Amino acid sequence: MNKKAMILAAGALAAAALVLGGWFEYQHLEGQVSSGTVLRGYNPRDPATTAPHTENVFTGRVTEFEEKRDIKGWTQDVYRVEVLSTLRGNLHGTVRVTYGLDEGSPDRLADGSTYIFATHAWTDATNDGHAQLYQGEMKPVDDAQLAVWKKAVALPTKPDQ
């Protein structure tokens, strides 16, 4: 086999390997999306990586659990939350917050308890309110959490905001 034919054969093999590798990766990612795994560009359990993707970060007191709702294929709890103080954004009054985990069911937030919410407004009218982006442990707010979130919201927002 001459040198030109060998180069063409090697190029064809390399192209075939790239196409096959891309196809297998596509199948892998498609399986994750259809199995319920959400693909994100941040770690939703870390305030420092979640905060730059939020419109609003605030402390809020849960006034009531409203309902369990299926939103875009995900089971979400819907709460009425009284905004107490804002770290990012300009929310005030009482807002609706949807909260659900990527995997499993979240523990119900306790009426009357105050939490830190890191949210983004829903973009369609049927899912009014704000989606909770933070997927870490939700526990009543304390000074240590507040300090972590204040540091996190000092980071610049992502351009898609």
C-alpha atoms as a PDB file:
ATOM      1  CA  MET A   1       0.000   0.000   0.000  1.00  0.00           C
ATOM      2  CA  ASN A   2       1.446   3.360  -0.916  1.00  0.00           C
ATOM      3  CA  LYS A   3       1.933   6.232   1.513  1.00  0.00           C
ATOM      4  CA  LYS A   4      -1.060   8.258   0.210  1.00  0.00           C
ATOM      5  CA  ALA A   5      -3.452   5.308   0.613  1.00  0.00           C
ATOM      6  CA  MET A   6      -2.193   4.691   4.151  1.00  0.00           C
ATOM      7  CA  ILE A   7      -2.770   8.337   5.107  1.00  0.00           C
ATOM      8  CA  LEU A   8      -6.298   8.232   3.657  1.00  0.00           C
ATOM      9  CA  ALA A   9      -7.073   4.971   5.480  1.00  0.00           C
ATOM     10  CA  ALA A  10      -5.755   6.386   8.774  1.00  0.00           C
ATOM     11  CA  GLY A  11      -7.838   9.546   8.273  1.00  0.00           C
ATOM     12  CA  ALA A  12     -10.953   7.488   7.565  1.00  0.00           C
ATOM     13  CA  LEU A  13     -10.369   5.388  10.700  1.00  0.00           C
ATOM     14  CA  ALA A  14      -9.871   8.514  12.817  1.00  0.00           C
ATOM     15  CA  ALA A  15     -13.068  10.083  11.432  1.00  0.00           C
ATOM     16  CA  ALA A  16     -15.008   6.866  12.087  1.00  0.00           C
ATOM     17  CA  ALA A  17     -13.684   6.739  15.665  1.00  0.00           C
ATOM     18  CA  LEU A  18     -14.778  10.354  16.267  1.00  0.00           C
ATOM     19  CA  VAL A  19     -18.250   9.743  14.847  1.00  0.00           C
ATOM     20  CA  LEU A  20     -18.685   6.542  16.843  1.00  0.00           C
ATOM     21  CA  GLY A  21     -17.412   8.198  20.045  1.00  0.00           C
ATOM     22  CA  GLY A  22     -19.807  11.121  19.541  1.00  0.00           C
ATOM     23  CA  TRP A  23     -22.718   8.759  18.984  1.00  0.00           C
ATOM     24  CA  PHE A  24     -21.972   6.813  22.170  1.00  0.00           C
ATOM     25  CA  GLU A  25     -21.674  10.057  24.187  1.00  0.00           C
ATOM     26  CA  TYR A  26     -24.983  11.277  22.751  1.00  0.00           C
ATOM     27  CA  GLN A  27     -26.626   8.019  23.792  1.00  0.00           C
ATOM     28  CA  HIS A  28     -25.153   8.385  27.281  1.00  0.00           C
ATOM     29  CA  LEU A  29     -26.422  11.972  27.689  1.00  0.00           C
ATOM     30  CA  GLU A  30     -29.814  11.169  26.180  1.00  0.00           C
ATOM     31  CA  GLY A  31     -30.170   8.361  28.718  1.00  0.00           C
ATOM     32  CA  GLN A  32     -29.394  10.749  31.570  1.00  0.00           C
ATOM     33  CA  VAL A  33     -31.956  13.306  30.429  1.00  0.00           C
ATOM     34  CA  SER A  34     -34.701  10.725  29.907  1.00  0.00           C
ATOM     35  CA  SER A  35     -33.919   9.104  33.280  1.00  0.00           C
ATOM     36  CA  GLY A  36     -34.586  12.352  35.145  1.00  0.00           C
ATOM     37  CA  THR A  37     -31.056  13.652  35.652  1.00  0.00           C
ATOM     38  CA  VAL A  38     -30.818  17.385  35.082  1.00  0.00           C
ATOM     39  CA  LEU A  39     -27.765  18.630  33.223  1.00  0.00           C
ATOM     40  CA  ARG A  40     -26.583  21.963  34.636  1.00  0.00           C
ATOM     41  CA  GLY A  41     -23.565  24.156  34.358  1.00  0.00           C
ATOM     42  CA  TYR A  42     -23.280  24.432  38.139  1.00  0.00           C
ATOM     43  CA  ASN A  43     -23.403  22.366  41.321  1.00  0.00           C
ATOM     44  CA  PRO A  44     -26.900  22.972  42.762  1.00  0.00           C
ATOM     45  CA  ARG A  45     -25.778  21.870  46.240  1.00  0.00           C
ATOM     46  CA  ASP A  46     -23.140  24.604  46.529  1.00  0.00           C
ATOM     47  CA  PRO A  47     -24.157  28.217  47.252  1.00  0.00           C
ATOM     48  CA  ALA A  48     -21.057  29.629  45.511  1.00  0.00           C
ATOM     49  CA  THR A  49     -21.891  27.902  42.219  1.00  0.00           C
ATOM     50  CA  THR A  50     -25.669  28.304  42.514  1.00  0.00           C
ATOM     51  CA  ALA A  51     -25.790  32.023  43.387  1.00  0.00           C
ATOM     52  CA  PRO A  52     -24.441  33.299  40.050  1.00  0.00           C
ATOM     53  CA  HIS A  53     -27.404  31.622  38.286  1.00  0.00           C
ATOM     54  CA  THR A  54     -30.085  33.227  40.451  1.00  0.00           C
ATOM     55  CA  GLU A  55     -32.258  36.289  40.034  1.00  0.00           C
ATOM     56  CA  ASN A  56     -33.125  36.426  43.709  1.00  0.00           C
ATOM     57  CA  VAL A  57     -31.537  35.278  46.939  1.00  0.00           C
ATOM     58  CA  PHE A  58     -33.559  36.082  50.031  1.00  0.00           C
ATOM     59  CA  THR A  59     -34.541  34.977  53.486  1.00  0.00           C
ATOM     60  CA  GLY A  60     -38.173  34.079  53.663  1.00  0.00           C
ATOM     61  CA  ARG A  61     -40.656  32.648  56.138  1.00  0.00           C
ATOM     62  CA  VAL A  62     -42.818  29.824  54.836  1.00  0.00           C
ATOM     63  CA  THR A  63     -46.413  30.873  55.459  1.00  0.00           C
ATOM     64  CA  GLU A  64     -48.028  27.783  53.961  1.00  0.00           C
ATOM     65  CA  PHE A  65     -47.603  24.720  51.785  1.00  0.00           C
ATOM     66  CA  GLU A  66     -49.996  25.146  48.834  1.00  0.00           C
ATOM     67  CA  GLU A  67     -49.792  21.987  46.757  1.00  0.00           C
ATOM     68  CA  LYS A  68     -47.720  19.368  45.044  1.00  0.00           C
ATOM     69  CA  ARG A  69     -47.530  20.102  41.321  1.00  0.00           C
ATOM     70  CA  ASP A  70     -46.051  18.447  38.248  1.00  0.00           C
ATOM     71  CA  ILE A  71     -43.994  21.110  36.464  1.00  0.00           C
ATOM     72  CA  LYS A  72     -42.236  20.150  33.245  1.00  0.00           C
ATOM     73  CA  GLY A  73     -42.120  16.502  34.316  1.00  0.00           C
ATOM     74  CA  TRP A  74     -40.854  17.204  37.842  1.00  0.00           C
ATOM     75  CA  THR A  75     -42.820  16.916  41.064  1.00  0.00           C
ATOM     76  CA  GLN A  76     -42.550  20.221  42.901  1.00  0.00           C
ATOM     77  CA  ASP A  77     -43.875  21.465  46.237  1.00  0.00           C
ATOM     78  CA  VAL A  78     -45.390  24.940  46.013  1.00  0.00           C
ATOM     79  CA  TYR A  79     -45.067  27.231  49.032  1.00  0.00           C
ATOM     80  CA  ARG A  80     -46.196  30.740  49.904  1.00  0.00           C
ATOM     81  CA  VAL A  81     -43.170  32.547  51.291  1.00  0.00           C
ATOM     82  CA  GLU A  82     -43.025  35.948  52.978  1.00  0.00           C
ATOM     83  CA  VAL A  83     -39.847  37.765  51.882  1.00  0.00           C
ATOM     84  CA  LEU A  84     -38.028  39.053  54.980  1.00  0.00           C
ATOM     85  CA  SER A  85     -34.761  40.366  53.521  1.00  0.00           C
ATOM     86  CA  THR A  86     -33.064  40.246  50.132  1.00  0.00           C
ATOM     87  CA  LEU A  87     -29.439  39.531  49.360  1.00  0.00           C
ATOM     88  CA  ARG A  88     -29.979  39.710  45.575  1.00  0.00           C
ATOM     89  CA  GLY A  89     -32.957  40.987  43.619  1.00  0.00           C
ATOM     90  CA  ASN A  90     -35.858  43.168  44.648  1.00  0.00           C
ATOM     91  CA  LEU A  91     -38.580  40.799  45.803  1.00  0.00           C
ATOM     92  CA  HIS A  92     -40.899  41.907  48.567  1.00  0.00           C
ATOM     93  CA  GLY A  93     -44.188  40.811  50.050  1.00  0.00           C
ATOM     94  CA  THR A  94     -45.326  37.222  49.622  1.00  0.00           C
ATOM     95  CA  VAL A  95     -44.188  35.085  46.694  1.00  0.00           C
ATOM     96  CA  ARG A  96     -44.750  31.532  45.500  1.00  0.00           C
ATOM     97  CA  VAL A  97     -41.712  29.276  45.490  1.00  0.00           C
ATOM     98  CA  THR A  98     -41.591  25.857  43.873  1.00  0.00           C
ATOM     99  CA  TYR A  99     -39.168  23.423  45.428  1.00  0.00           C
ATOM    100  CA  GLY A 100     -38.275  19.914  44.340  1.00  0.00           C
ATOM    101  CA  LEU A 101     -35.124  17.862  44.125  1.00  0.00           C
ATOM    102  CA  ASP A 102     -33.578  16.322  41.006  1.00  0.00           C
ATOM    103  CA  GLU A 103     -33.735  12.940  42.702  1.00  0.00           C
ATOM    104  CA  GLY A 104     -36.146  11.906  45.418  1.00  0.00           C
ATOM    105  CA  SER A 105     -38.641  13.962  47.319  1.00  0.00           C
ATOM    106  CA  PRO A 106     -37.552  16.906  49.420  1.00  0.00           C
ATOM    107  CA  ASP A 107     -38.448  17.109  53.073  1.00  0.00           C
ATOM    108  CA  ARG A 108     -41.416  19.426  53.445  1.00  0.00           C
ATOM    109  CA  LEU A 109     -40.441  22.936  54.530  1.00  0.00           C
ATOM    110  CA  ALA A 110     -41.947  23.796  57.910  1.00  0.00           C
ATOM    111  CA  ASP A 111     -44.648  26.465  58.092  1.00  0.00           C
ATOM    112  CA  GLY A 112     -43.380  29.418  60.118  1.00  0.00           C
ATOM    113  CA  SER A 113     -39.700  28.581  59.574  1.00  0.00           C
ATOM    114  CA  THR A 114     -37.287  30.948  57.829  1.00  0.00           C
ATOM    115  CA  TYR A 115     -34.987  29.675  55.080  1.00  0.00           C
ATOM    116  CA  ILE A 116     -32.645  31.103  52.470  1.00  0.00           C
ATOM    117  CA  PHE A 117     -34.133  30.845  48.991  1.00  0.00           C
ATOM    118  CA  ALA A 118     -32.078  31.115  45.782  1.00  0.00           C
ATOM    119  CA  THR A 119     -34.576  31.454  42.948  1.00  0.00           C
ATOM    120  CA  HIS A 120     -35.242  32.285  39.345  1.00  0.00           C
ATOM    121  CA  ALA A 121     -38.693  33.368  38.144  1.00  0.00           C
ATOM    122  CA  TRP A 122     -40.635  30.906  36.013  1.00  0.00           C
ATOM    123  CA  THR A 123     -40.886  32.163  32.449  1.00  0.00           C
ATOM    124  CA  ASP A 124     -44.368  30.876  31.660  1.00  0.00           C
ATOM    125  CA  ALA A 125     -47.642  32.044  33.146  1.00  0.00           C
ATOM    126  CA  THR A 126     -48.890  28.562  34.115  1.00  0.00           C
ATOM    127  CA  ASN A 127     -45.959  28.017  36.478  1.00  0.00           C
ATOM    128  CA  ASP A 128     -46.110  31.368  38.225  1.00  0.00           C
ATOM    129  CA  GLY A 129     -43.731  32.133  41.013  1.00  0.00           C
ATOM    130  CA  HIS A 130     -40.083  31.353  41.516  1.00  0.00           C
ATOM    131  CA  ALA A 131     -38.178  28.095  41.121  1.00  0.00           C
ATOM    132  CA  GLN A 132     -35.782  27.221  43.934  1.00  0.00           C
ATOM    133  CA  LEU A 133     -32.400  26.559  42.250  1.00  0.00           C
ATOM    134  CA  TYR A 134     -30.484  25.494  45.354  1.00  0.00           C
ATOM    135  CA  GLN A 135     -30.735  21.727  45.901  1.00  0.00           C
ATOM    136  CA  GLY A 136     -28.715  21.451  49.118  1.00  0.00           C
ATOM    137  CA  GLU A 137     -30.074  20.807  52.568  1.00  0.00           C
ATOM    138  CA  MET A 138     -32.831  23.260  53.457  1.00  0.00           C
ATOM    139  CA  LYS A 139     -32.686  24.042  57.157  1.00  0.00           C
ATOM    140  CA  PRO A 140     -33.842  27.097  59.076  1.00  0.00           C
ATOM    141  CA  VAL A 141     -31.466  29.988  58.452  1.00  0.00           C
ATOM    142  CA  ASP A 142     -28.648  30.728  60.883  1.00  0.00           C
ATOM    143  CA  ASP A 143     -25.777  33.227  60.921  1.00  0.00           C
ATOM    144  CA  ALA A 144     -23.306  30.777  59.326  1.00  0.00           C
ATOM    145  CA  GLN A 145     -25.612  30.117  56.327  1.00  0.00           C
ATOM    146  CA  LEU A 146     -26.285  33.805  55.948  1.00  0.00           C
ATOM    147  CA  ALA A 147     -22.538  34.537  55.808  1.00  0.00           C
ATOM    148  CA  VAL A 148     -21.998  31.829  53.155  1.00  0.00           C
ATOM    149  CA  TRP A 149     -24.813  33.192  50.973  1.00  0.00           C
ATOM    150  CA  LYS A 150     -23.680  36.821  51.376  1.00  0.00           C
ATOM    151  CA  LYS A 151     -20.275  35.781  50.081  1.00  0.00           C
ATOM    152  CA  ALA A 152     -21.885  33.768  47.256  1.00  0.00           C
ATOM    153  CA  VAL A 153     -24.111  36.621  46.017  1.00  0.00           C
ATOM    154  CA  ALA A 154     -21.057  38.900  45.826  1.00  0.00           C
ATOM    155  CA  LEU A 155     -19.951  36.763  42.857  1.00  0.00           C
ATOM    156  CA  PRO A 156     -20.992  38.107  39.442  1.00  0.00           C
ATOM    157  CA  THR A 157     -24.119  36.691  37.826  1.00  0.00           C
ATOM    158  CA  LYS A 158     -23.840  34.526  34.740  1.00  0.00           C
ATOM    159  CA  PRO A 159     -24.483  36.249  31.385  1.00  0.00           C
ATOM    160  CA  ASP A 160     -27.702  34.266  30.792  1.00  0.00           C
ATOM    161  CA  GLN A 161     -29.358  36.225  33.630  1.00  0.00           C
END
